[in-house]
N, C-alpha and C. Protein backbone atom coordinates (compact mmCIF):
# COMPACT_ATOMS: atom_id res chain seq x y z
N MET A 1 0.56 -1.43 -0.19
CA MET A 1 0.02 0.02 -0.36
C MET A 1 0.74 1.20 0.23
N LEU A 2 0.65 2.61 -0.27
CA LEU A 2 1.03 3.67 -0.56
C LEU A 2 1.26 3.32 1.42
N GLU A 3 2.35 4.71 1.61
CA GLU A 3 2.54 5.61 2.74
C GLU A 3 1.71 5.73 3.29
N PRO A 4 0.90 4.94 4.55
CA PRO A 4 -0.22 5.40 5.28
C PRO A 4 -0.58 6.46 5.92
N THR A 5 -1.73 6.93 5.84
CA THR A 5 -1.59 7.88 7.49
C THR A 5 -2.27 7.72 8.46
N LEU A 6 -1.81 7.83 9.40
CA LEU A 6 -2.17 6.96 11.08
C LEU A 6 -2.26 8.15 11.87
N LEU A 7 -3.94 8.37 12.56
CA LEU A 7 -4.29 9.25 13.53
C LEU A 7 -4.06 8.54 15.14
N VAL A 8 -2.83 9.50 15.85
CA VAL A 8 -2.74 8.67 17.06
C VAL A 8 -3.42 9.93 18.18
N ALA A 9 -4.60 9.12 18.83
CA ALA A 9 -5.51 9.97 19.88
C ALA A 9 -5.07 9.21 20.98
N ASP A 10 -4.81 9.95 22.24
CA ASP A 10 -4.56 10.02 23.20
C ASP A 10 -4.20 11.68 23.88
N ASP A 11 -4.59 11.75 24.94
CA ASP A 11 -4.02 12.99 25.40
C ASP A 11 -2.80 13.08 26.24
N HIS A 12 -2.60 11.86 26.54
CA HIS A 12 -1.30 12.32 27.32
C HIS A 12 0.17 12.81 26.48
N PRO A 13 0.66 14.10 26.45
CA PRO A 13 1.72 14.20 25.61
C PRO A 13 2.86 13.22 25.20
N LEU A 14 3.15 13.01 26.50
CA LEU A 14 4.47 11.95 26.11
C LEU A 14 4.05 10.69 25.96
N PHE A 15 3.35 9.91 25.88
CA PHE A 15 2.94 8.92 25.08
C PHE A 15 2.57 8.78 23.80
N ARG A 16 1.79 10.03 23.64
CA ARG A 16 1.64 10.10 22.09
C ARG A 16 2.73 10.16 21.51
N ALA A 17 3.68 11.65 22.22
CA ALA A 17 5.19 11.52 21.39
C ALA A 17 5.99 9.84 21.40
N ALA A 18 5.52 8.60 22.34
CA ALA A 18 6.59 7.52 22.28
C ALA A 18 5.99 6.75 21.25
N VAL A 19 4.42 7.03 20.66
CA VAL A 19 3.71 5.97 19.35
C VAL A 19 4.50 6.51 18.70
N ILE A 20 4.37 8.17 18.68
CA ILE A 20 4.53 8.58 17.03
C ILE A 20 6.13 8.30 16.71
N HIS A 21 7.11 7.95 18.32
CA HIS A 21 8.41 7.85 17.88
C HIS A 21 8.36 6.19 17.04
N VAL A 22 7.42 5.40 17.05
CA VAL A 22 7.38 3.82 17.58
C VAL A 22 7.23 4.58 15.71
N LEU A 23 5.77 4.89 15.53
CA LEU A 23 6.00 5.06 14.22
C LEU A 23 7.07 5.36 12.86
N ARG A 24 7.16 6.67 13.48
CA ARG A 24 8.47 7.00 12.56
C ARG A 24 9.94 5.88 12.17
N GLU A 25 10.21 5.34 13.39
CA GLU A 25 10.62 4.58 13.12
C GLU A 25 10.73 3.07 12.68
N SER A 26 9.53 2.89 12.18
CA SER A 26 8.97 1.78 12.06
C SER A 26 8.49 1.78 9.98
N MET A 27 7.74 3.20 10.50
CA MET A 27 7.22 3.35 8.94
C MET A 27 7.50 4.52 8.76
N PRO A 28 8.84 4.98 8.21
CA PRO A 28 9.26 6.21 8.05
C PRO A 28 8.35 6.98 7.48
N GLY A 29 7.96 6.83 6.30
CA GLY A 29 7.18 7.30 5.27
C GLY A 29 5.93 7.58 5.51
N ALA A 30 5.12 7.18 6.72
CA ALA A 30 4.00 7.35 7.47
C ALA A 30 3.70 8.71 7.34
N ARG A 31 2.16 9.10 7.52
CA ARG A 31 2.03 10.26 7.52
C ARG A 31 1.06 10.37 8.65
N VAL A 32 1.17 10.89 10.27
CA VAL A 32 1.31 10.48 11.02
C VAL A 32 0.54 11.84 11.74
N LEU A 33 -1.06 11.91 12.10
CA LEU A 33 -1.54 12.54 12.75
C LEU A 33 -1.75 12.97 14.01
N GLU A 34 -2.32 13.73 15.05
CA GLU A 34 -2.85 13.72 16.46
C GLU A 34 -3.50 14.36 16.99
N ALA A 35 -4.18 13.91 18.21
CA ALA A 35 -5.45 14.31 18.71
C ALA A 35 -5.44 14.07 19.56
N ALA A 36 -5.76 15.34 20.92
CA ALA A 36 -6.09 14.99 22.00
C ALA A 36 -7.34 14.99 22.91
N SER A 37 -8.16 14.46 22.34
CA SER A 37 -9.57 14.81 22.60
C SER A 37 -10.68 14.08 21.54
N ALA A 38 -11.73 14.09 22.32
CA ALA A 38 -13.12 13.50 21.49
C ALA A 38 -13.18 14.70 20.26
N ALA A 39 -13.11 15.28 20.55
CA ALA A 39 -13.07 16.96 19.98
C ALA A 39 -12.26 16.73 18.69
N THR A 40 -10.86 17.09 19.13
CA THR A 40 -10.11 16.73 18.21
C THR A 40 -10.14 15.88 17.37
N LEU A 41 -10.16 14.98 18.16
CA LEU A 41 -10.43 13.49 17.43
C LEU A 41 -11.45 13.62 15.99
N GLY A 42 -12.40 14.10 16.26
CA GLY A 42 -13.69 14.41 15.62
C GLY A 42 -12.94 15.39 13.82
N SER A 43 -12.62 16.41 14.45
CA SER A 43 -12.33 17.26 14.08
C SER A 43 -10.84 17.05 12.62
N CYS A 44 -10.32 16.27 13.09
CA CYS A 44 -9.28 15.20 12.77
C CYS A 44 -9.42 14.33 11.57
N LEU A 45 -10.60 13.78 11.41
CA LEU A 45 -11.20 12.31 10.52
C LEU A 45 -11.65 13.41 9.58
N GLU A 46 -12.34 14.63 10.20
CA GLU A 46 -13.06 15.49 9.58
C GLU A 46 -12.35 15.83 8.18
N GLN A 47 -11.19 15.99 8.44
CA GLN A 47 -10.37 16.28 7.40
C GLN A 47 -9.86 15.43 6.74
N HIS A 48 -9.36 14.31 7.46
CA HIS A 48 -9.05 13.39 6.61
C HIS A 48 -9.57 12.14 6.84
N PRO A 49 -10.75 11.99 6.08
CA PRO A 49 -11.91 10.48 6.11
C PRO A 49 -10.97 9.45 5.51
N GLN A 50 -9.84 9.44 4.64
CA GLN A 50 -9.18 8.46 4.37
C GLN A 50 -8.15 8.19 4.62
N ALA A 51 -7.82 8.15 5.82
CA ALA A 51 -6.72 7.81 7.18
C ALA A 51 -7.10 5.99 6.92
N ASP A 52 -6.10 5.61 7.47
CA ASP A 52 -5.59 4.17 7.14
C ASP A 52 -5.95 4.03 8.44
N LEU A 53 -6.06 4.37 9.34
CA LEU A 53 -6.12 3.61 11.19
C LEU A 53 -5.95 5.03 11.67
N VAL A 54 -6.40 4.67 13.03
CA VAL A 54 -6.57 5.33 13.93
C VAL A 54 -6.33 4.16 15.58
N LEU A 55 -5.22 4.77 16.57
CA LEU A 55 -5.13 4.63 17.28
C LEU A 55 -5.50 5.06 18.91
N LEU A 56 -6.64 4.32 19.31
CA LEU A 56 -7.24 5.25 20.35
C LEU A 56 -7.07 4.98 21.67
N ASP A 57 -6.87 5.71 21.98
CA ASP A 57 -7.14 5.74 24.11
C ASP A 57 -8.30 5.51 24.57
N LEU A 58 -9.06 5.03 25.13
CA LEU A 58 -10.00 4.75 25.62
C LEU A 58 -10.65 6.15 26.74
N SER A 59 -9.36 6.76 27.26
CA SER A 59 -9.98 8.33 28.28
C SER A 59 -9.12 9.49 27.39
N MET A 60 -9.87 10.07 27.16
CA MET A 60 -9.56 11.44 26.57
C MET A 60 -10.84 12.33 26.92
N PRO A 61 -10.58 13.50 27.45
CA PRO A 61 -11.23 14.69 27.57
C PRO A 61 -12.86 14.05 26.17
N GLY A 62 -13.74 14.14 26.63
CA GLY A 62 -15.23 13.91 25.92
C GLY A 62 -15.62 12.96 25.96
N THR A 63 -15.14 11.67 26.25
CA THR A 63 -15.46 10.07 25.90
C THR A 63 -16.09 10.10 26.86
N ARG A 64 -16.52 8.49 26.74
CA ARG A 64 -17.45 8.24 27.71
C ARG A 64 -16.70 6.28 27.65
N GLY A 65 -15.39 5.83 28.12
CA GLY A 65 -15.35 4.78 27.87
C GLY A 65 -15.17 4.55 26.21
N PHE A 66 -15.86 3.43 25.67
CA PHE A 66 -15.70 3.07 24.46
C PHE A 66 -16.82 4.04 23.66
N SER A 67 -17.24 5.22 24.46
CA SER A 67 -18.07 5.67 23.43
C SER A 67 -17.05 6.33 21.89
N ALA A 68 -16.20 7.11 22.11
CA ALA A 68 -15.14 7.19 20.74
C ALA A 68 -14.90 5.91 19.83
N LEU A 69 -14.96 5.00 19.88
CA LEU A 69 -14.49 3.89 19.50
C LEU A 69 -15.95 3.44 18.48
N LEU A 70 -17.00 3.69 19.33
CA LEU A 70 -18.41 3.75 18.88
C LEU A 70 -18.70 4.07 17.69
N HIS A 71 -18.15 5.72 18.44
CA HIS A 71 -18.10 6.77 17.02
C HIS A 71 -17.69 6.90 15.99
N VAL A 72 -16.35 6.57 16.10
CA VAL A 72 -15.74 6.67 15.31
C VAL A 72 -16.00 4.88 14.09
N ARG A 73 -16.69 4.18 14.33
CA ARG A 73 -17.01 3.08 13.72
C ARG A 73 -18.19 3.44 13.04
N GLY A 74 -19.06 4.23 13.79
CA GLY A 74 -20.35 4.27 12.80
C GLY A 74 -20.30 5.25 12.21
N GLU A 75 -19.31 6.34 12.53
CA GLU A 75 -18.94 7.50 11.10
C GLU A 75 -18.52 6.79 10.30
N TYR A 76 -17.18 6.44 10.44
CA TYR A 76 -16.35 5.98 9.38
C TYR A 76 -15.85 4.41 8.95
N PRO A 77 -16.58 3.37 8.81
CA PRO A 77 -16.38 1.99 9.07
C PRO A 77 -15.51 1.63 8.82
N GLU A 78 -14.84 2.19 7.61
CA GLU A 78 -13.71 1.85 6.79
C GLU A 78 -12.46 1.97 7.43
N ILE A 79 -12.37 2.92 8.59
CA ILE A 79 -11.32 3.04 9.19
C ILE A 79 -11.04 2.13 10.15
N PRO A 80 -9.76 1.18 9.98
CA PRO A 80 -9.78 0.48 11.43
C PRO A 80 -9.31 1.09 12.36
N VAL A 81 -9.35 0.42 13.70
CA VAL A 81 -9.03 1.11 14.98
C VAL A 81 -8.72 0.04 15.60
N ILE A 82 -7.38 0.49 16.83
CA ILE A 82 -6.57 -0.02 17.14
C ILE A 82 -6.79 0.79 18.74
N VAL A 83 -7.34 0.07 19.85
CA VAL A 83 -7.52 0.52 20.96
C VAL A 83 -5.81 0.67 21.99
N ILE A 84 -5.37 1.45 22.36
CA ILE A 84 -4.63 1.97 23.32
C ILE A 84 -4.66 1.83 24.59
N SER A 85 -4.56 1.14 25.20
CA SER A 85 -5.30 1.61 26.77
C SER A 85 -4.50 1.09 28.16
N SER A 86 -3.98 1.72 29.17
CA SER A 86 -3.67 0.67 29.96
C SER A 86 -4.61 -0.01 31.04
N ASN A 87 -5.29 -0.23 30.66
CA ASN A 87 -6.41 -0.96 31.30
C ASN A 87 -6.76 -1.92 30.36
N ASP A 88 -5.66 -3.35 30.77
CA ASP A 88 -5.58 -3.98 29.70
C ASP A 88 -6.74 -5.25 30.42
N HIS A 89 -7.87 -5.27 31.48
CA HIS A 89 -8.27 -6.31 31.49
C HIS A 89 -8.88 -7.15 30.51
N PRO A 90 -9.22 -8.67 30.86
CA PRO A 90 -9.06 -9.25 30.06
C PRO A 90 -11.25 -8.98 29.29
N ARG A 91 -11.26 -8.41 30.38
CA ARG A 91 -13.20 -7.91 29.31
C ARG A 91 -12.98 -6.50 28.83
N VAL A 92 -12.25 -6.17 29.57
CA VAL A 92 -11.89 -4.40 28.35
C VAL A 92 -11.41 -4.91 27.04
N ILE A 93 -10.38 -6.01 27.10
CA ILE A 93 -10.06 -6.40 25.64
C ILE A 93 -11.05 -6.79 25.02
N ARG A 94 -12.08 -7.92 25.54
CA ARG A 94 -12.95 -8.35 24.83
C ARG A 94 -13.99 -7.51 24.61
N ARG A 95 -14.52 -6.69 25.23
CA ARG A 95 -15.56 -5.32 25.03
C ARG A 95 -15.02 -4.58 23.59
N ALA A 96 -13.53 -4.19 24.12
CA ALA A 96 -12.98 -3.44 22.67
C ALA A 96 -13.11 -4.09 21.60
N GLN A 97 -13.16 -5.32 21.21
CA GLN A 97 -13.47 -5.96 20.37
C GLN A 97 -14.64 -6.00 19.62
N GLN A 98 -15.52 -6.94 20.51
CA GLN A 98 -17.20 -6.23 20.34
C GLN A 98 -17.75 -5.19 19.78
N PHE A 99 -17.55 -4.11 20.49
CA PHE A 99 -17.47 -2.73 19.87
C PHE A 99 -16.83 -2.49 18.79
N GLY A 100 -16.25 -2.97 17.80
CA GLY A 100 -15.13 -2.77 16.93
C GLY A 100 -13.88 -2.70 16.34
N ALA A 101 -13.26 -2.72 17.30
CA ALA A 101 -12.00 -2.39 17.47
C ALA A 101 -11.33 -3.70 16.69
N VAL A 102 -9.84 -3.77 15.77
CA VAL A 102 -9.66 -4.34 15.52
C VAL A 102 -8.79 -4.74 15.76
N GLY A 103 -7.93 -3.90 17.39
CA GLY A 103 -6.67 -4.28 17.91
C GLY A 103 -6.78 -3.99 19.24
N PHE A 104 -5.71 -4.10 20.40
CA PHE A 104 -5.68 -3.88 21.26
C PHE A 104 -4.18 -3.88 21.84
N ILE A 105 -3.95 -2.51 21.90
CA ILE A 105 -2.65 -2.80 22.41
C ILE A 105 -2.31 -2.37 23.69
N PRO A 106 -2.23 -2.60 24.63
CA PRO A 106 -1.82 -2.24 26.34
C PRO A 106 -1.10 -0.97 26.26
N LYS A 107 -0.86 -0.11 27.04
CA LYS A 107 0.17 0.97 27.65
C LYS A 107 1.91 0.03 27.61
N SER A 108 1.76 -0.85 27.64
CA SER A 108 2.36 -1.41 28.90
C SER A 108 3.37 -2.23 27.65
N SER A 109 3.01 -1.78 26.43
CA SER A 109 3.55 -2.80 25.64
C SER A 109 5.24 -2.51 25.13
N PRO A 110 5.97 -2.86 25.03
CA PRO A 110 7.34 -2.63 24.57
C PRO A 110 6.83 -2.31 22.99
N ALA A 111 7.64 -1.87 22.32
CA ALA A 111 7.72 -0.78 21.47
C ALA A 111 7.68 -2.14 19.72
N GLU A 112 8.42 -2.99 20.16
CA GLU A 112 8.25 -3.71 18.91
C GLU A 112 6.74 -4.84 18.68
N SER A 113 5.96 -4.19 19.84
CA SER A 113 4.79 -5.47 20.05
C SER A 113 3.94 -4.19 19.09
N ILE A 114 4.01 -2.75 19.99
CA ILE A 114 3.24 -2.13 18.76
C ILE A 114 3.44 -1.80 17.43
N ALA A 115 4.61 -1.72 17.30
CA ALA A 115 4.99 -1.78 16.02
C ALA A 115 4.29 -3.15 14.66
N ALA A 116 4.41 -4.32 15.37
CA ALA A 116 4.20 -5.49 14.97
C ALA A 116 2.42 -5.13 14.76
N ALA A 117 1.65 -4.70 15.57
CA ALA A 117 0.07 -4.48 16.27
C ALA A 117 -0.83 -3.84 14.79
N ILE A 118 0.25 -2.89 14.23
CA ILE A 118 0.27 -2.02 13.79
C ILE A 118 0.13 -2.58 12.23
N ALA A 119 1.19 -2.99 11.92
CA ALA A 119 1.63 -3.49 10.51
C ALA A 119 0.63 -4.36 10.20
N THR A 120 0.47 -5.56 11.34
CA THR A 120 -0.53 -6.41 11.11
C THR A 120 -1.79 -6.08 10.73
N VAL A 121 -2.38 -5.13 11.73
CA VAL A 121 -3.84 -4.68 10.84
C VAL A 121 -3.65 -4.02 9.80
N LEU A 122 -2.50 -2.92 9.31
CA LEU A 122 -2.56 -2.62 8.02
C LEU A 122 -2.48 -3.20 7.02
N ASP A 123 -2.04 -4.90 7.77
CA ASP A 123 -1.89 -5.59 6.12
C ASP A 123 -3.06 -6.30 6.29
N GLY A 124 -4.31 -6.01 6.76
CA GLY A 124 -5.41 -6.89 7.03
C GLY A 124 -5.43 -7.40 8.38
N GLY A 125 -5.00 -7.66 8.86
CA GLY A 125 -5.48 -8.72 10.55
C GLY A 125 -5.77 -8.02 11.43
N SER A 126 -6.02 -8.83 12.49
CA SER A 126 -6.15 -8.18 13.93
C SER A 126 -5.13 -8.30 14.79
N TRP A 127 -4.98 -7.83 16.13
CA TRP A 127 -4.10 -8.19 17.17
C TRP A 127 -4.92 -7.65 18.22
N PHE A 128 -5.09 -8.99 18.88
CA PHE A 128 -5.24 -9.23 20.57
C PHE A 128 -4.00 -9.73 21.27
N PRO A 129 -4.50 -9.11 22.70
CA PRO A 129 -3.69 -10.41 23.53
C PRO A 129 -4.51 -11.38 24.11
N PRO A 130 -3.93 -12.41 24.52
CA PRO A 130 -5.11 -13.31 24.44
C PRO A 130 -6.17 -13.11 25.89
N MET A 131 -7.06 -13.10 25.22
CA MET A 131 -8.09 -12.43 26.15
C MET A 131 -9.13 -14.31 27.01
N ALA A 132 -9.28 -14.17 28.39
CA ALA A 132 -9.58 -15.68 29.40
C ALA A 132 -11.50 -14.87 29.47
N ALA A 133 -11.32 -13.73 29.15
CA ALA A 133 -13.08 -12.89 29.16
C ALA A 133 -13.81 -13.68 28.17
N GLU A 134 -15.17 -14.10 28.40
CA GLU A 134 -15.95 -14.65 26.89
C GLU A 134 -17.18 -13.70 27.04
N SER A 135 -17.14 -13.37 25.50
CA SER A 135 -17.83 -12.16 25.02
C SER A 135 -19.06 -12.30 25.97
N SER A 136 -20.27 -10.98 25.29
CA SER A 136 -20.83 -10.67 26.05
C SER A 136 -22.36 -10.58 25.10
N ASP A 137 -23.64 -11.27 25.48
CA ASP A 137 -24.64 -10.90 25.00
C ASP A 137 -24.92 -9.56 24.98
N ALA A 138 -24.97 -9.00 26.30
CA ALA A 138 -25.58 -7.41 26.77
C ALA A 138 -24.69 -6.99 26.08
N ASP A 139 -23.21 -6.83 25.83
CA ASP A 139 -22.42 -5.68 24.96
C ASP A 139 -23.15 -5.93 23.47
N ALA A 140 -23.07 -7.06 23.26
CA ALA A 140 -23.72 -7.10 21.62
C ALA A 140 -25.06 -6.79 21.45
N ALA A 141 -25.35 -6.52 22.21
CA ALA A 141 -26.95 -6.24 21.68
C ALA A 141 -27.04 -4.66 22.03
N LEU A 142 -25.98 -3.92 23.18
CA LEU A 142 -26.02 -2.30 23.48
C LEU A 142 -25.14 -2.14 22.12
N ALA A 143 -24.34 -2.77 21.59
CA ALA A 143 -23.10 -2.36 20.20
C ALA A 143 -24.11 -2.12 19.00
N ALA A 144 -24.99 -3.17 18.66
CA ALA A 144 -26.30 -3.33 17.86
C ALA A 144 -27.35 -2.14 17.66
N LYS A 145 -27.67 -1.56 18.90
CA LYS A 145 -28.49 -0.45 19.18
C LYS A 145 -27.87 0.85 18.88
N LEU A 146 -26.77 0.95 19.12
CA LEU A 146 -26.11 2.09 19.11
C LEU A 146 -25.68 1.92 17.82
N ALA A 147 -25.44 1.12 16.94
CA ALA A 147 -25.15 1.08 15.20
C ALA A 147 -26.14 1.85 14.69
N GLN A 148 -27.51 1.44 15.60
CA GLN A 148 -28.64 2.41 14.20
C GLN A 148 -28.21 3.89 14.17
N LEU A 149 -27.78 4.50 15.27
CA LEU A 149 -27.63 6.08 15.49
C LEU A 149 -26.85 6.33 14.50
N THR A 150 -27.41 7.97 13.76
CA THR A 150 -27.01 8.47 13.46
C THR A 150 -25.42 9.25 14.20
N PRO A 151 -24.46 9.83 13.19
CA PRO A 151 -23.47 10.49 13.74
C PRO A 151 -24.19 11.30 14.57
N GLN A 152 -25.05 11.91 14.31
CA GLN A 152 -25.71 13.57 15.34
C GLN A 152 -26.20 13.30 16.01
N GLN A 153 -27.15 11.91 15.89
CA GLN A 153 -27.51 11.36 16.82
C GLN A 153 -26.96 10.24 17.68
N PHE A 154 -25.58 10.16 17.48
CA PHE A 154 -24.44 9.57 18.60
C PHE A 154 -24.34 10.88 19.38
N ARG A 155 -24.11 12.00 18.67
CA ARG A 155 -23.24 13.26 19.64
C ARG A 155 -24.36 13.53 20.74
N VAL A 156 -26.12 13.59 20.17
CA VAL A 156 -26.85 14.16 20.78
C VAL A 156 -26.87 13.15 22.54
N LEU A 157 -26.81 11.92 22.05
CA LEU A 157 -26.94 10.87 22.80
C LEU A 157 -25.61 11.28 24.13
N MET A 158 -24.78 11.56 23.71
CA MET A 158 -23.42 11.52 24.46
C MET A 158 -23.71 12.78 25.30
N CYS A 159 -24.40 14.19 24.83
CA CYS A 159 -25.52 14.91 25.63
C CYS A 159 -26.09 15.10 26.82
N LEU A 160 -26.64 13.56 26.11
CA LEU A 160 -28.06 13.77 27.37
C LEU A 160 -27.54 12.98 28.45
N ALA A 161 -26.34 11.99 28.25
CA ALA A 161 -25.66 11.26 29.15
C ALA A 161 -25.07 12.36 30.12
N ASP A 162 -24.71 14.02 29.44
CA ASP A 162 -23.87 14.35 30.44
C ASP A 162 -25.21 15.33 31.00
N GLY A 163 -26.36 15.07 31.21
CA GLY A 163 -27.29 15.30 31.73
C GLY A 163 -27.75 16.59 31.45
N LEU A 164 -27.34 16.81 29.96
CA LEU A 164 -27.84 18.74 28.71
C LEU A 164 -29.70 18.51 28.82
N LEU A 165 -30.06 19.12 28.88
CA LEU A 165 -31.29 19.99 28.74
C LEU A 165 -31.22 20.12 27.13
N ASN A 166 -32.42 19.98 26.65
CA ASN A 166 -32.81 20.25 25.01
C ASN A 166 -31.66 21.63 24.74
N LYS A 167 -32.48 22.80 24.90
CA LYS A 167 -31.60 23.76 24.70
C LYS A 167 -30.20 23.71 24.89
N GLN A 168 -29.45 23.14 26.13
CA GLN A 168 -27.89 23.45 25.93
C GLN A 168 -27.58 22.11 25.17
N ILE A 169 -28.43 21.02 24.55
CA ILE A 169 -27.56 19.97 23.63
C ILE A 169 -27.53 21.01 22.38
N ALA A 170 -28.90 21.55 21.94
CA ALA A 170 -28.93 22.84 20.83
C ALA A 170 -27.68 23.71 20.68
N HIS A 171 -27.30 24.46 21.65
CA HIS A 171 -26.39 25.23 21.67
C HIS A 171 -24.88 24.68 21.82
N GLU A 172 -24.90 23.53 22.47
CA GLU A 172 -23.30 22.98 22.40
C GLU A 172 -23.50 22.33 20.89
N LEU A 173 -24.54 21.87 20.30
CA LEU A 173 -23.83 21.16 19.10
C LEU A 173 -24.42 22.18 17.69
N GLY A 174 -24.78 23.36 18.18
CA GLY A 174 -25.10 24.18 17.01
C GLY A 174 -26.97 23.83 16.16
N LEU A 175 -27.52 23.30 16.97
CA LEU A 175 -28.42 23.15 16.24
C LEU A 175 -29.81 23.80 17.12
N ALA A 176 -30.80 23.92 16.23
CA ALA A 176 -32.40 24.60 16.65
C ALA A 176 -32.90 23.42 17.94
N GLU A 177 -32.96 24.17 18.61
CA GLU A 177 -34.04 22.87 19.49
C GLU A 177 -34.92 22.03 19.11
N ASN A 178 -35.79 22.30 18.22
CA ASN A 178 -36.89 21.53 17.76
C ASN A 178 -36.36 20.46 17.08
N THR A 179 -35.46 21.10 16.45
CA THR A 179 -34.28 19.23 15.89
C THR A 179 -33.87 18.70 17.18
N VAL A 180 -33.37 18.75 18.22
CA VAL A 180 -32.60 18.08 18.82
C VAL A 180 -34.06 17.22 19.59
N LYS A 181 -35.08 18.02 19.80
CA LYS A 181 -36.62 17.07 20.51
C LYS A 181 -36.45 15.88 19.15
N VAL A 182 -36.61 16.31 18.05
CA VAL A 182 -36.41 15.28 17.08
C VAL A 182 -35.59 14.38 16.98
N HIS A 183 -34.38 14.90 17.27
CA HIS A 183 -33.37 13.40 17.67
C HIS A 183 -33.56 12.40 18.93
N VAL A 184 -33.33 13.22 19.75
CA VAL A 184 -34.19 13.05 21.16
C VAL A 184 -35.55 11.86 21.38
N THR A 185 -36.86 11.77 20.35
CA THR A 185 -37.61 11.27 20.28
C THR A 185 -36.78 9.93 19.54
N ALA A 186 -36.34 10.56 18.57
CA ALA A 186 -35.35 9.04 17.47
C ALA A 186 -34.59 8.17 18.04
N ILE A 187 -33.24 8.43 19.17
CA ILE A 187 -32.78 8.12 20.24
C ILE A 187 -33.70 7.01 21.26
N LEU A 188 -34.80 7.41 21.78
CA LEU A 188 -34.85 6.48 22.51
C LEU A 188 -35.96 5.45 22.34
N LYS A 189 -36.17 5.64 20.88
CA LYS A 189 -37.24 4.82 20.22
C LYS A 189 -36.04 3.53 19.56
N LYS A 190 -34.97 4.12 19.25
CA LYS A 190 -34.21 3.44 18.48
C LYS A 190 -33.16 2.01 19.63
N LEU A 191 -33.13 2.94 20.82
CA LEU A 191 -32.76 2.32 21.75
C LEU A 191 -33.67 1.60 23.07
N GLU A 192 -34.76 1.79 22.29
CA GLU A 192 -35.76 0.59 23.47
C GLU A 192 -35.87 1.77 24.77
N CYS A 193 -35.47 2.87 25.19
CA CYS A 193 -35.48 3.77 26.21
C CYS A 193 -37.11 4.45 26.30
N TYR A 194 -37.42 4.72 27.67
CA TYR A 194 -38.89 5.05 28.05
C TYR A 194 -38.12 6.76 28.21
N SER A 195 -37.00 6.77 28.30
CA SER A 195 -36.34 8.09 28.86
C SER A 195 -35.13 8.53 28.81
N ARG A 196 -34.78 10.03 29.16
CA ARG A 196 -33.58 10.28 29.01
C ARG A 196 -32.78 9.78 29.68
N THR A 197 -33.34 9.82 31.40
CA THR A 197 -32.81 8.90 32.81
C THR A 197 -32.12 7.49 32.25
N GLN A 198 -33.29 6.68 31.42
CA GLN A 198 -32.62 5.50 30.86
C GLN A 198 -31.37 5.31 29.86
N ALA A 199 -31.51 6.41 29.15
CA ALA A 199 -30.61 6.35 27.90
C ALA A 199 -29.21 6.77 28.41
N ALA A 200 -29.34 7.68 29.49
CA ALA A 200 -28.24 8.28 30.44
C ALA A 200 -27.71 6.48 31.28
N VAL A 201 -28.48 6.14 31.48
CA VAL A 201 -27.68 4.97 32.09
C VAL A 201 -27.11 3.74 30.99
N LEU A 202 -27.62 3.46 29.62
CA LEU A 202 -27.25 2.66 29.01
C LEU A 202 -26.33 2.91 28.41
N VAL A 203 -25.61 4.67 28.36
CA VAL A 203 -24.13 5.16 27.92
C VAL A 203 -23.40 4.95 28.67
N LYS A 204 -23.90 4.74 30.17
CA LYS A 204 -23.01 4.87 31.33
C LYS A 204 -22.35 3.04 31.08
N ALA A 205 -22.82 2.40 30.49
CA ALA A 205 -22.36 0.91 29.98
C ALA A 205 -21.26 0.78 29.19
N LEU A 206 -21.27 1.75 28.69
CA LEU A 206 -20.37 2.24 27.49
C LEU A 206 -18.71 2.12 28.79
N GLU A 207 -18.90 2.86 29.51
CA GLU A 207 -17.25 3.16 30.58
C GLU A 207 -16.81 1.83 30.36
N ALA A 208 -15.12 2.28 30.61
CA ALA A 208 -14.75 0.54 30.18
C ALA A 208 -14.09 0.16 31.38
N ASP A 209 -14.66 0.48 32.80
CA ASP A 209 -15.00 -0.79 33.50
C ASP A 209 -16.21 -1.13 34.42
N ALA A 210 -17.69 -0.87 33.77
CA ALA A 210 -18.59 -1.34 33.90
C ALA A 210 -18.27 -2.71 33.37
N ALA A 211 -19.37 -3.47 34.62
CA ALA A 211 -19.19 -4.65 34.49
C ALA A 211 -20.36 -5.16 34.00
């Protein structure tokens, strides 16, 4: 393939720099982009929708556990995502896989493993540590429900989870308040929720340490 475009999304500058160093060493011609929050990740992908790979930290400002992973997979399904996280509990790894990641790299991994994982995924493969946790029917059902949401509905849902009112969501996302009401109604229907609170609880299940 041509020299790839890789996006490193992590809010820790030192770790981001370390990953970029690995990329520069293993793929000298690669184009490397950086993001330090959910907002900058979204902006970067809007500008570079043909990126070849996203390396995604689960804990960034503006994210709730696996929300950024699901958002990227929903809006840019052709871009593979490798989760890079300091939380390498088997259940977290399994959930990342169920929510659409093609790889998982513990932050404690040596540079050689990071480079190997990236090369494997760019070649069309997947890369996960050995996992003891079983897959979860509940996670599969949650992922299927969230996959029905449009990108804008997903953004509204994240605002709902933060407890924002329709007027506040409209201001936050630059929408008309009536448009927000329409989105909220559609979200509740798609998620089979009876209230905003129930939808917020559903989002809480996306947190990486959720049981």
